[in-house]
Amino acid sequence: MSKIVKTILYTEGDIPEKAKQQVTEAAEKTIDYSDIPEMTGNEFQETLAEIKRRTKKVLFSLRLKPETIEGWKALAGNGYTTVM
């Protein structure tokens, strides 16, 4: 099954009020953990092993114009490759 993800990046002054309000409301909500059982040590180790197995990275190369890279650096600073 394919999934299409749409992401909108805003500069600091361009964030719509509705988006700001949604983020503020989400941040103020408390998370109810009462229905989540505690993990045993064995379950925790199995989960860590599964996460490690799933998070293997694949080398990916991309050629971009210098102007594009400078735009990403201006937008995200030192962590621009993570944002990309």
PDB file of N, CA and C in Angstrom:
ATOM      1  N   MET A   1       0.846  -1.178   0.000  1.00  0.00           N
ATOM      2  CA  MET A   1       0.000   0.000   0.000  1.00  0.00           C
ATOM      3  C   MET A   1       0.891   1.240   0.000  1.00  0.00           C
ATOM      4  N   SER A   2       0.606   2.179  -0.865  1.00  0.00           N
ATOM      5  CA  SER A   2       1.358   3.420  -0.953  1.00  0.00           C
ATOM      6  C   SER A   2       0.725   4.476  -0.070  1.00  0.00           C
ATOM      7  N   LYS A   3       1.566   5.376   0.398  1.00  0.00           N
ATOM      8  CA  LYS A   3       1.075   6.461   1.236  1.00  0.00           C
ATOM      9  C   LYS A   3       1.673   7.759   0.703  1.00  0.00           C
ATOM     10  N   ILE A   4       0.847   8.752   0.495  1.00  0.00           N
ATOM     11  CA  ILE A   4       1.317  10.051   0.044  1.00  0.00           C
ATOM     12  C   ILE A   4       1.351  10.969   1.251  1.00  0.00           C
ATOM     13  N   VAL A   5       2.500  11.599   1.463  1.00  0.00           N
ATOM     14  CA  VAL A   5       2.666  12.495   2.597  1.00  0.00           C
ATOM     15  C   VAL A   5       2.909  13.895   2.053  1.00  0.00           C
ATOM     16  N   LYS A   6       2.153  14.838   2.529  1.00  0.00           N
ATOM     17  CA  LYS A   6       2.312  16.217   2.107  1.00  0.00           C
ATOM     18  C   LYS A   6       2.857  17.016   3.279  1.00  0.00           C
ATOM     19  N   THR A   7       3.974  17.677   3.077  1.00  0.00           N
ATOM     20  CA  THR A   7       4.585  18.481   4.109  1.00  0.00           C
ATOM     21  C   THR A   7       4.719  19.907   3.606  1.00  0.00           C
ATOM     22  N   ILE A   8       4.340  20.839   4.431  1.00  0.00           N
ATOM     23  CA  ILE A   8       4.468  22.243   4.085  1.00  0.00           C
ATOM     24  C   ILE A   8       5.494  22.861   5.026  1.00  0.00           C
ATOM     25  N   LEU A   9       6.533  23.459   4.466  1.00  0.00           N
ATOM     26  CA  LEU A   9       7.548  24.131   5.271  1.00  0.00           C
ATOM     27  C   LEU A   9       7.277  25.628   5.239  1.00  0.00           C
ATOM     28  N   TYR A  10       7.223  26.227   6.415  1.00  0.00           N
ATOM     29  CA  TYR A  10       6.989  27.654   6.526  1.00  0.00           C
ATOM     30  C   TYR A  10       8.239  28.327   7.067  1.00  0.00           C
ATOM     31  N   THR A  11       8.455  29.551   6.655  1.00  0.00           N
ATOM     32  CA  THR A  11       9.469  30.349   7.324  1.00  0.00           C
ATOM     33  C   THR A  11       8.814  30.900   8.585  1.00  0.00           C
ATOM     34  N   GLU A  12       9.604  31.369   9.520  1.00  0.00           N
ATOM     35  CA  GLU A  12       9.078  31.732  10.837  1.00  0.00           C
ATOM     36  C   GLU A  12       7.937  32.735  10.779  1.00  0.00           C
ATOM     37  N   GLY A  13       8.012  33.717   9.914  1.00  0.00           N
ATOM     38  CA  GLY A  13       6.973  34.738   9.856  1.00  0.00           C
ATOM     39  C   GLY A  13       5.751  34.333   9.060  1.00  0.00           C
ATOM     40  N   ASP A  14       5.804  33.216   8.332  1.00  0.00           N
ATOM     41  CA  ASP A  14       4.718  32.819   7.445  1.00  0.00           C
ATOM     42  C   ASP A  14       3.794  31.755   8.030  1.00  0.00           C
ATOM     43  N   ILE A  15       3.966  31.361   9.282  1.00  0.00           N
ATOM     44  CA  ILE A  15       3.144  30.299   9.858  1.00  0.00           C
ATOM     45  C   ILE A  15       1.735  30.834  10.101  1.00  0.00           C
ATOM     46  N   PRO A  16       0.721  30.190   9.506  1.00  0.00           N
ATOM     47  CA  PRO A  16      -0.650  30.663   9.707  1.00  0.00           C
ATOM     48  C   PRO A  16      -1.084  30.524  11.170  1.00  0.00           C
ATOM     49  N   GLU A  17      -1.955  31.397  11.598  1.00  0.00           N
ATOM     50  CA  GLU A  17      -2.439  31.378  12.987  1.00  0.00           C
ATOM     51  C   GLU A  17      -3.107  30.044  13.316  1.00  0.00           C
ATOM     52  N   LYS A  18      -3.836  29.471  12.370  1.00  0.00           N
ATOM     53  CA  LYS A  18      -4.513  28.198  12.604  1.00  0.00           C
ATOM     54  C   LYS A  18      -3.486  27.106  12.922  1.00  0.00           C
ATOM     55  N   ALA A  19      -2.372  27.078  12.186  1.00  0.00           N
ATOM     56  CA  ALA A  19      -1.323  26.082  12.432  1.00  0.00           C
ATOM     57  C   ALA A  19      -0.689  26.306  13.796  1.00  0.00           C
ATOM     58  N   LYS A  20      -0.441  27.550  14.162  1.00  0.00           N
ATOM     59  CA  LYS A  20       0.123  27.859  15.480  1.00  0.00           C
ATOM     60  C   LYS A  20      -0.818  27.382  16.588  1.00  0.00           C
ATOM     61  N   GLN A  21      -2.118  27.626  16.395  1.00  0.00           N
ATOM     62  CA  GLN A  21      -3.109  27.236  17.393  1.00  0.00           C
ATOM     63  C   GLN A  21      -3.154  25.715  17.535  1.00  0.00           C
ATOM     64  N   GLN A  22      -3.102  24.980  16.415  1.00  0.00           N
ATOM     65  CA  GLN A  22      -3.137  23.522  16.464  1.00  0.00           C
ATOM     66  C   GLN A  22      -1.927  22.969  17.210  1.00  0.00           C
ATOM     67  N   VAL A  23      -0.758  23.539  16.976  1.00  0.00           N
ATOM     68  CA  VAL A  23       0.452  23.085  17.662  1.00  0.00           C
ATOM     69  C   VAL A  23       0.361  23.383  19.147  1.00  0.00           C
ATOM     70  N   THR A  24      -0.115  24.560  19.498  1.00  0.00           N
ATOM     71  CA  THR A  24      -0.252  24.935  20.903  1.00  0.00           C
ATOM     72  C   THR A  24      -1.232  24.008  21.621  1.00  0.00           C
ATOM     73  N   GLU A  25      -2.365  23.720  20.984  1.00  0.00           N
ATOM     74  CA  GLU A  25      -3.353  22.826  21.601  1.00  0.00           C
ATOM     75  C   GLU A  25      -2.800  21.418  21.779  1.00  0.00           C
ATOM     76  N   ALA A  26      -2.079  20.926  20.791  1.00  0.00           N
ATOM     77  CA  ALA A  26      -1.497  19.582  20.880  1.00  0.00           C
ATOM     78  C   ALA A  26      -0.462  19.517  21.995  1.00  0.00           C
ATOM     79  N   ALA A  27       0.319  20.576  22.162  1.00  0.00           N
ATOM     80  CA  ALA A  27       1.362  20.597  23.187  1.00  0.00           C
ATOM     81  C   ALA A  27       0.774  20.642  24.595  1.00  0.00           C
ATOM     82  N   GLU A  28      -0.423  21.206  24.738  1.00  0.00           N
ATOM     83  CA  GLU A  28      -1.043  21.335  26.058  1.00  0.00           C
ATOM     84  C   GLU A  28      -1.778  20.067  26.506  1.00  0.00           C
ATOM     85  N   LYS A  29      -2.047  19.154  25.583  1.00  0.00           N
ATOM     86  CA  LYS A  29      -2.762  17.927  25.942  1.00  0.00           C
ATOM     87  C   LYS A  29      -1.841  16.997  26.729  1.00  0.00           C
ATOM     88  N   THR A  30      -2.416  16.329  27.709  1.00  0.00           N
ATOM     89  CA  THR A  30      -1.650  15.333  28.451  1.00  0.00           C
ATOM     90  C   THR A  30      -1.889  13.963  27.831  1.00  0.00           C
ATOM     91  N   ILE A  31      -0.899  13.120  27.915  1.00  0.00           N
ATOM     92  CA  ILE A  31      -0.990  11.778  27.346  1.00  0.00           C
ATOM     93  C   ILE A  31      -1.355  10.802  28.458  1.00  0.00           C
ATOM     94  N   ASP A  32      -2.378  10.005  28.212  1.00  0.00           N
ATOM     95  CA  ASP A  32      -2.832   9.011  29.185  1.00  0.00           C
ATOM     96  C   ASP A  32      -2.113   7.690  28.911  1.00  0.00           C
ATOM     97  N   TYR A  33      -1.207   7.305  29.790  1.00  0.00           N
ATOM     98  CA  TYR A  33      -0.445   6.071  29.646  1.00  0.00           C
ATOM     99  C   TYR A  33      -1.057   4.907  30.433  1.00  0.00           C
ATOM    100  N   SER A  34      -2.201   5.113  31.056  1.00  0.00           N
ATOM    101  CA  SER A  34      -2.751   4.104  31.959  1.00  0.00           C
ATOM    102  C   SER A  34      -3.141   2.800  31.265  1.00  0.00           C
ATOM    103  N   ASP A  35      -3.431   2.826  29.974  1.00  0.00           N
ATOM    104  CA  ASP A  35      -3.849   1.611  29.276  1.00  0.00           C
ATOM    105  C   ASP A  35      -2.684   0.882  28.602  1.00  0.00           C
ATOM    106  N   ILE A  36      -1.469   1.327  28.871  1.00  0.00           N
ATOM    107  CA  ILE A  36      -0.282   0.697  28.276  1.00  0.00           C
ATOM    108  C   ILE A  36       0.425  -0.118  29.356  1.00  0.00           C
ATOM    109  N   PRO A  37       0.491  -1.441  29.195  1.00  0.00           N
ATOM    110  CA  PRO A  37       1.154  -2.258  30.218  1.00  0.00           C
ATOM    111  C   PRO A  37       2.675  -2.055  30.191  1.00  0.00           C
ATOM    112  N   GLU A  38       3.304  -2.273  31.350  1.00  0.00           N
ATOM    113  CA  GLU A  38       4.759  -2.156  31.406  1.00  0.00           C
ATOM    114  C   GLU A  38       5.391  -3.312  30.658  1.00  0.00           C
ATOM    115  N   MET A  39       6.558  -3.048  30.070  1.00  0.00           N
ATOM    116  CA  MET A  39       7.285  -4.085  29.348  1.00  0.00           C
ATOM    117  C   MET A  39       8.193  -4.839  30.299  1.00  0.00           C
ATOM    118  N   THR A  40       8.323  -6.129  30.047  1.00  0.00           N
ATOM    119  CA  THR A  40       9.304  -6.902  30.797  1.00  0.00           C
ATOM    120  C   THR A  40      10.677  -6.642  30.187  1.00  0.00           C
ATOM    121  N   GLY A  41      11.722  -7.025  30.881  1.00  0.00           N
ATOM    122  CA  GLY A  41      13.076  -6.852  30.359  1.00  0.00           C
ATOM    123  C   GLY A  41      13.273  -7.559  29.038  1.00  0.00           C
ATOM    124  N   ASN A  42      12.705  -8.763  28.899  1.00  0.00           N
ATOM    125  CA  ASN A  42      12.832  -9.533  27.669  1.00  0.00           C
ATOM    126  C   ASN A  42      12.099  -8.833  26.514  1.00  0.00           C
ATOM    127  N   GLU A  43      10.898  -8.331  26.774  1.00  0.00           N
ATOM    128  CA  GLU A  43      10.148  -7.606  25.738  1.00  0.00           C
ATOM    129  C   GLU A  43      10.906  -6.375  25.287  1.00  0.00           C
ATOM    130  N   PHE A  44      11.513  -5.689  26.252  1.00  0.00           N
ATOM    131  CA  PHE A  44      12.275  -4.487  25.929  1.00  0.00           C
ATOM    132  C   PHE A  44      13.464  -4.825  25.033  1.00  0.00           C
ATOM    133  N   GLN A  45      14.193  -5.889  25.365  1.00  0.00           N
ATOM    134  CA  GLN A  45      15.341  -6.300  24.552  1.00  0.00           C
ATOM    135  C   GLN A  45      14.902  -6.701  23.141  1.00  0.00           C
ATOM    136  N   GLU A  46      13.784  -7.416  23.037  1.00  0.00           N
ATOM    137  CA  GLU A  46      13.261  -7.807  21.726  1.00  0.00           C
ATOM    138  C   GLU A  46      12.870  -6.581  20.905  1.00  0.00           C
ATOM    139  N   THR A  47      12.282  -5.597  21.562  1.00  0.00           N
ATOM    140  CA  THR A  47      11.887  -4.366  20.874  1.00  0.00           C
ATOM    141  C   THR A  47      13.113  -3.619  20.371  1.00  0.00           C
ATOM    142  N   LEU A  48      14.139  -3.510  21.201  1.00  0.00           N
ATOM    143  CA  LEU A  48      15.373  -2.851  20.767  1.00  0.00           C
ATOM    144  C   LEU A  48      15.992  -3.556  19.581  1.00  0.00           C
ATOM    145  N   ALA A  49      16.002  -4.877  19.603  1.00  0.00           N
ATOM    146  CA  ALA A  49      16.559  -5.650  18.494  1.00  0.00           C
ATOM    147  C   ALA A  49      15.764  -5.405  17.210  1.00  0.00           C
ATOM    148  N   GLU A  50      14.448  -5.325  17.329  1.00  0.00           N
ATOM    149  CA  GLU A  50      13.591  -5.072  16.170  1.00  0.00           C
ATOM    150  C   GLU A  50      13.822  -3.675  15.607  1.00  0.00           C
ATOM    151  N   ILE A  51      13.948  -2.707  16.483  1.00  0.00           N
ATOM    152  CA  ILE A  51      14.210  -1.332  16.045  1.00  0.00           C
ATOM    153  C   ILE A  51      15.543  -1.269  15.314  1.00  0.00           C
ATOM    154  N   LYS A  52      16.551  -1.900  15.871  1.00  0.00           N
ATOM    155  CA  LYS A  52      17.870  -1.908  15.236  1.00  0.00           C
ATOM    156  C   LYS A  52      17.801  -2.566  13.861  1.00  0.00           C
ATOM    157  N   ARG A  53      17.044  -3.651  13.758  1.00  0.00           N
ATOM    158  CA  ARG A  53      16.917  -4.355  12.487  1.00  0.00           C
ATOM    159  C   ARG A  53      16.213  -3.474  11.444  1.00  0.00           C
ATOM    160  N   ARG A  54      15.198  -2.742  11.870  1.00  0.00           N
ATOM    161  CA  ARG A  54      14.416  -1.918  10.941  1.00  0.00           C
ATOM    162  C   ARG A  54      15.108  -0.629  10.545  1.00  0.00           C
ATOM    163  N   THR A  55      16.046  -0.150  11.331  1.00  0.00           N
ATOM    164  CA  THR A  55      16.624   1.166  11.078  1.00  0.00           C
ATOM    165  C   THR A  55      17.945   1.112  10.322  1.00  0.00           C
ATOM    166  N   LYS A  56      18.182   0.045   9.606  1.00  0.00           N
ATOM    167  CA  LYS A  56      19.375   0.007   8.774  1.00  0.00           C
ATOM    168  C   LYS A  56      19.252   1.086   7.714  1.00  0.00           C
ATOM    169  N   LYS A  57      20.325   1.804   7.490  1.00  0.00           N
ATOM    170  CA  LYS A  57      20.290   2.918   6.560  1.00  0.00           C
ATOM    171  C   LYS A  57      20.791   2.487   5.190  1.00  0.00           C
ATOM    172  N   VAL A  58      20.258   3.136   4.187  1.00  0.00           N
ATOM    173  CA  VAL A  58      20.634   2.872   2.806  1.00  0.00           C
ATOM    174  C   VAL A  58      21.330   4.115   2.273  1.00  0.00           C
ATOM    175  N   LEU A  59      22.446   3.918   1.592  1.00  0.00           N
ATOM    176  CA  LEU A  59      23.167   5.037   0.998  1.00  0.00           C
ATOM    177  C   LEU A  59      22.349   5.599  -0.152  1.00  0.00           C
ATOM    178  N   PHE A  60      22.171   6.911  -0.151  1.00  0.00           N
ATOM    179  CA  PHE A  60      21.376   7.580  -1.175  1.00  0.00           C
ATOM    180  C   PHE A  60      22.148   8.807  -1.619  1.00  0.00           C
ATOM    181  N   SER A  61      22.347   8.951  -2.897  1.00  0.00           N
ATOM    182  CA  SER A  61      23.103  10.073  -3.425  1.00  0.00           C
ATOM    183  C   SER A  61      22.183  10.954  -4.256  1.00  0.00           C
ATOM    184  N   LEU A  62      22.347  12.269  -4.134  1.00  0.00           N
ATOM    185  CA  LEU A  62      21.496  13.219  -4.843  1.00  0.00           C
ATOM    186  C   LEU A  62      22.348  14.405  -5.263  1.00  0.00           C
ATOM    187  N   ARG A  63      22.266  14.775  -6.515  1.00  0.00           N
ATOM    188  CA  ARG A  63      23.007  15.942  -7.017  1.00  0.00           C
ATOM    189  C   ARG A  63      22.048  17.119  -7.118  1.00  0.00           C
ATOM    190  N   LEU A  64      22.423  18.209  -6.470  1.00  0.00           N
ATOM    191  CA  LEU A  64      21.595  19.410  -6.456  1.00  0.00           C
ATOM    192  C   LEU A  64      22.423  20.618  -6.854  1.00  0.00           C
ATOM    193  N   LYS A  65      21.742  21.635  -7.342  1.00  0.00           N
ATOM    194  CA  LYS A  65      22.414  22.890  -7.669  1.00  0.00           C
ATOM    195  C   LYS A  65      22.893  23.542  -6.375  1.00  0.00           C
ATOM    196  N   PRO A  66      24.002  24.259  -6.423  1.00  0.00           N
ATOM    197  CA  PRO A  66      24.500  24.952  -5.220  1.00  0.00           C
ATOM    198  C   PRO A  66      23.459  25.886  -4.595  1.00  0.00           C
ATOM    199  N   GLU A  67      22.630  26.521  -5.439  1.00  0.00           N
ATOM    200  CA  GLU A  67      21.605  27.432  -4.917  1.00  0.00           C
ATOM    201  C   GLU A  67      20.581  26.671  -4.062  1.00  0.00           C
ATOM    202  N   THR A  68      20.281  25.448  -4.476  1.00  0.00           N
ATOM    203  CA  THR A  68      19.334  24.631  -3.718  1.00  0.00           C
ATOM    204  C   THR A  68      19.891  24.296  -2.345  1.00  0.00           C
ATOM    205  N   ILE A  69      21.158  23.904  -2.297  1.00  0.00           N
ATOM    206  CA  ILE A  69      21.808  23.583  -1.021  1.00  0.00           C
ATOM    207  C   ILE A  69      21.845  24.809  -0.121  1.00  0.00           C
ATOM    208  N   GLU A  70      22.198  25.953  -0.683  1.00  0.00           N
ATOM    209  CA  GLU A  70      22.242  27.187   0.115  1.00  0.00           C
ATOM    210  C   GLU A  70      20.859  27.531   0.666  1.00  0.00           C
ATOM    211  N   GLY A  71      19.819  27.283  -0.127  1.00  0.00           N
ATOM    212  CA  GLY A  71      18.453  27.528   0.351  1.00  0.00           C
ATOM    213  C   GLY A  71      18.101  26.639   1.536  1.00  0.00           C
ATOM    214  N   TRP A  72      18.477  25.352   1.459  1.00  0.00           N
ATOM    215  CA  TRP A  72      18.213  24.435   2.570  1.00  0.00           C
ATOM    216  C   TRP A  72      19.018  24.831   3.800  1.00  0.00           C
ATOM    217  N   LYS A  73      20.273  25.247   3.598  1.00  0.00           N
ATOM    218  CA  LYS A  73      21.098  25.676   4.732  1.00  0.00           C
ATOM    219  C   LYS A  73      20.492  26.908   5.393  1.00  0.00           C
ATOM    220  N   ALA A  74      19.994  27.833   4.578  1.00  0.00           N
ATOM    221  CA  ALA A  74      19.376  29.044   5.131  1.00  0.00           C
ATOM    222  C   ALA A  74      18.105  28.700   5.899  1.00  0.00           C
ATOM    223  N   LEU A  75      17.374  27.704   5.409  1.00  0.00           N
ATOM    224  CA  LEU A  75      16.119  27.322   6.037  1.00  0.00           C
ATOM    225  C   LEU A  75      16.328  26.564   7.348  1.00  0.00           C
ATOM    226  N   ALA A  76      17.292  25.616   7.345  1.00  0.00           N
ATOM    227  CA  ALA A  76      17.411  24.709   8.490  1.00  0.00           C
ATOM    228  C   ALA A  76      18.744  24.776   9.221  1.00  0.00           C
ATOM    229  N   GLY A  77      19.681  25.559   8.755  1.00  0.00           N
ATOM    230  CA  GLY A  77      20.977  25.650   9.446  1.00  0.00           C
ATOM    231  C   GLY A  77      21.806  24.396   9.304  1.00  0.00           C
ATOM    232  N   ASN A  78      22.550  24.044  10.363  1.00  0.00           N
ATOM    233  CA  ASN A  78      23.460  22.894  10.303  1.00  0.00           C
ATOM    234  C   ASN A  78      22.745  21.567  10.092  1.00  0.00           C
ATOM    235  N   GLY A  79      21.502  21.460  10.468  1.00  0.00           N
ATOM    236  CA  GLY A  79      20.766  20.212  10.319  1.00  0.00           C
ATOM    237  C   GLY A  79      19.984  20.123   9.019  1.00  0.00           C
ATOM    238  N   TYR A  80      20.430  20.840   7.998  1.00  0.00           N
ATOM    239  CA  TYR A  80      19.656  20.890   6.763  1.00  0.00           C
ATOM    240  C   TYR A  80      19.503  19.533   6.080  1.00  0.00           C
ATOM    241  N   THR A  81      20.484  18.651   6.202  1.00  0.00           N
ATOM    242  CA  THR A  81      20.357  17.343   5.556  1.00  0.00           C
ATOM    243  C   THR A  81      19.296  16.489   6.238  1.00  0.00           C
ATOM    244  N   THR A  82      19.119  16.668   7.518  1.00  0.00           N
ATOM    245  CA  THR A  82      18.068  15.941   8.232  1.00  0.00           C
ATOM    246  C   THR A  82      16.700  16.404   7.776  1.00  0.00           C
ATOM    247  N   VAL A  83      16.534  17.692   7.585  1.00  0.00           N
ATOM    248  CA  VAL A  83      15.257  18.250   7.149  1.00  0.00           C
ATOM    249  C   VAL A  83      14.933  17.811   5.731  1.00  0.00           C
ATOM    250  N   MET A  84      15.967  17.731   4.900  1.00  0.00           N
ATOM    251  CA  MET A  84      15.752  17.306   3.502  1.00  0.00           C
ATOM    252  C   MET A  84      15.193  15.908   3.495  1.00  0.00           C
TER     253      MET A  84
END
